[in-house]
Amino acid sequence: MALGRRGDPQGEYIRRWVGELRGLATPEIHEPGVGNPGADYPRPVVNHAERRLLALERFKRAANSRKRNGTRERR
């Protein structure tokens, strides 16, 4: 969602290639199933904000584990 907002803030690409979203207002176009029950689009399967935090925590734990075990990063 954040990438779409940065790369296509007005939703022009989405409106061109995803026909069922053409009628959405610009603020809603990057999250069509969230808070927009009138949209003919399925609700998200994954809560991206929640999963992002979980992934960051797992990466942090893995990095700390490498430091404790003396494992070097590949470069």
C-alpha atoms as a PDB file:
ATOM      1  CA  MET A   1       0.000   0.000   0.000  1.00  0.00           C
ATOM      2  CA  ALA A   2       2.739   2.464   0.912  1.00  0.00           C
ATOM      3  CA  LEU A   3       4.614   1.685  -2.296  1.00  0.00           C
ATOM      4  CA  GLY A   4       1.477   2.296  -4.346  1.00  0.00           C
ATOM      5  CA  ARG A   5       0.905   5.624  -2.622  1.00  0.00           C
ATOM      6  CA  ARG A   6       4.475   6.706  -3.348  1.00  0.00           C
ATOM      7  CA  GLY A   7       4.596   5.483  -6.938  1.00  0.00           C
ATOM      8  CA  ASP A   8       1.026   6.259  -7.966  1.00  0.00           C
ATOM      9  CA  PRO A   9      -0.393   8.758  -5.454  1.00  0.00           C
ATOM     10  CA  GLN A  10      -3.434   9.604  -7.612  1.00  0.00           C
ATOM     11  CA  GLY A  11      -4.208   5.953  -8.411  1.00  0.00           C
ATOM     12  CA  GLU A  12      -4.034   6.444 -12.192  1.00  0.00           C
ATOM     13  CA  TYR A  13      -2.319   3.103 -12.844  1.00  0.00           C
ATOM     14  CA  ILE A  14      -4.803   1.257 -10.624  1.00  0.00           C
ATOM     15  CA  ARG A  15      -7.785   2.902 -12.309  1.00  0.00           C
ATOM     16  CA  ARG A  16      -6.426   1.982 -15.734  1.00  0.00           C
ATOM     17  CA  TRP A  17      -5.707  -1.702 -15.033  1.00  0.00           C
ATOM     18  CA  VAL A  18      -8.164  -2.646 -12.264  1.00  0.00           C
ATOM     19  CA  GLY A  19     -11.547  -1.791 -13.690  1.00  0.00           C
ATOM     20  CA  GLU A  20     -13.590  -2.603 -10.600  1.00  0.00           C
ATOM     21  CA  LEU A  21     -11.707   0.129  -8.683  1.00  0.00           C
ATOM     22  CA  ARG A  22     -12.132   2.939 -11.217  1.00  0.00           C
ATOM     23  CA  GLY A  23     -14.978   4.548  -9.307  1.00  0.00           C
ATOM     24  CA  LEU A  24     -13.172   4.782  -5.966  1.00  0.00           C
ATOM     25  CA  ALA A  25     -12.045   8.108  -4.576  1.00  0.00           C
ATOM     26  CA  THR A  26      -8.285   8.691  -4.518  1.00  0.00           C
ATOM     27  CA  PRO A  27      -7.891   8.234  -0.727  1.00  0.00           C
ATOM     28  CA  GLU A  28      -9.617   4.826  -0.937  1.00  0.00           C
ATOM     29  CA  ILE A  29      -7.991   3.412  -4.056  1.00  0.00           C
ATOM     30  CA  HIS A  30      -4.878   2.008  -2.359  1.00  0.00           C
ATOM     31  CA  GLU A  31      -6.906   0.057   0.228  1.00  0.00           C
ATOM     32  CA  PRO A  32     -10.109  -0.888  -1.597  1.00  0.00           C
ATOM     33  CA  GLY A  33     -11.530  -3.446   0.839  1.00  0.00           C
ATOM     34  CA  VAL A  34     -10.726  -1.535   4.026  1.00  0.00           C
ATOM     35  CA  GLY A  35     -13.399   0.759   5.424  1.00  0.00           C
ATOM     36  CA  ASN A  36     -15.155   0.775   2.092  1.00  0.00           C
ATOM     37  CA  PRO A  37     -18.016  -1.706   2.241  1.00  0.00           C
ATOM     38  CA  GLY A  38     -19.578  -0.333  -0.957  1.00  0.00           C
ATOM     39  CA  ALA A  39     -16.614  -1.346  -3.105  1.00  0.00           C
ATOM     40  CA  ASP A  40     -17.101  -4.480  -5.153  1.00  0.00           C
ATOM     41  CA  TYR A  41     -13.757  -5.840  -4.026  1.00  0.00           C
ATOM     42  CA  PRO A  42     -12.836  -8.535  -1.479  1.00  0.00           C
ATOM     43  CA  ARG A  43     -11.658  -7.594   1.981  1.00  0.00           C
ATOM     44  CA  PRO A  44      -7.924  -8.081   2.628  1.00  0.00           C
ATOM     45  CA  VAL A  45      -6.881 -11.578   3.657  1.00  0.00           C
ATOM     46  CA  VAL A  46      -3.863 -10.289   5.598  1.00  0.00           C
ATOM     47  CA  ASN A  47      -3.507  -7.285   7.882  1.00  0.00           C
ATOM     48  CA  HIS A  48      -0.378  -5.865   6.269  1.00  0.00           C
ATOM     49  CA  ALA A  49       0.490  -3.465   9.100  1.00  0.00           C
ATOM     50  CA  GLU A  50       0.307  -6.297  11.644  1.00  0.00           C
ATOM     51  CA  ARG A  51       2.317  -8.714   9.481  1.00  0.00           C
ATOM     52  CA  ARG A  52       4.947  -6.069   8.744  1.00  0.00           C
ATOM     53  CA  LEU A  53       5.584  -5.599  12.463  1.00  0.00           C
ATOM     54  CA  LEU A  54       5.787  -9.362  12.957  1.00  0.00           C
ATOM     55  CA  ALA A  55       8.292  -9.720  10.101  1.00  0.00           C
ATOM     56  CA  LEU A  56      10.459  -6.875  11.433  1.00  0.00           C
ATOM     57  CA  GLU A  57      10.508  -8.487  14.870  1.00  0.00           C
ATOM     58  CA  ARG A  58      11.528 -11.840  13.376  1.00  0.00           C
ATOM     59  CA  PHE A  59      14.335 -10.241  11.349  1.00  0.00           C
ATOM     60  CA  LYS A  60      15.544  -8.460  14.472  1.00  0.00           C
ATOM     61  CA  ARG A  61      15.590 -11.725  16.449  1.00  0.00           C
ATOM     62  CA  ALA A  62      17.446 -13.507  13.649  1.00  0.00           C
ATOM     63  CA  ALA A  63      20.056 -10.737  13.473  1.00  0.00           C
ATOM     64  CA  ASN A  64      20.544 -10.833  17.245  1.00  0.00           C
ATOM     65  CA  SER A  65      20.847 -14.616  17.134  1.00  0.00           C
ATOM     66  CA  ARG A  66      23.621 -14.352  14.549  1.00  0.00           C
ATOM     67  CA  LYS A  67      25.491 -11.880  16.732  1.00  0.00           C
ATOM     68  CA  ARG A  68      25.216 -14.148  19.793  1.00  0.00           C
ATOM     69  CA  ASN A  69      26.326 -17.216  17.810  1.00  0.00           C
ATOM     70  CA  GLY A  70      29.189 -15.427  16.106  1.00  0.00           C
ATOM     71  CA  THR A  71      27.771 -16.077  12.652  1.00  0.00           C
ATOM     72  CA  ARG A  72      28.954 -13.603  10.063  1.00  0.00           C
ATOM     73  CA  GLU A  73      26.745 -12.124   7.390  1.00  0.00           C
ATOM     74  CA  ARG A  74      27.398 -13.082   3.803  1.00  0.00           C
ATOM     75  CA  ARG A  75      28.295 -10.247   1.507  1.00  0.00           C
END
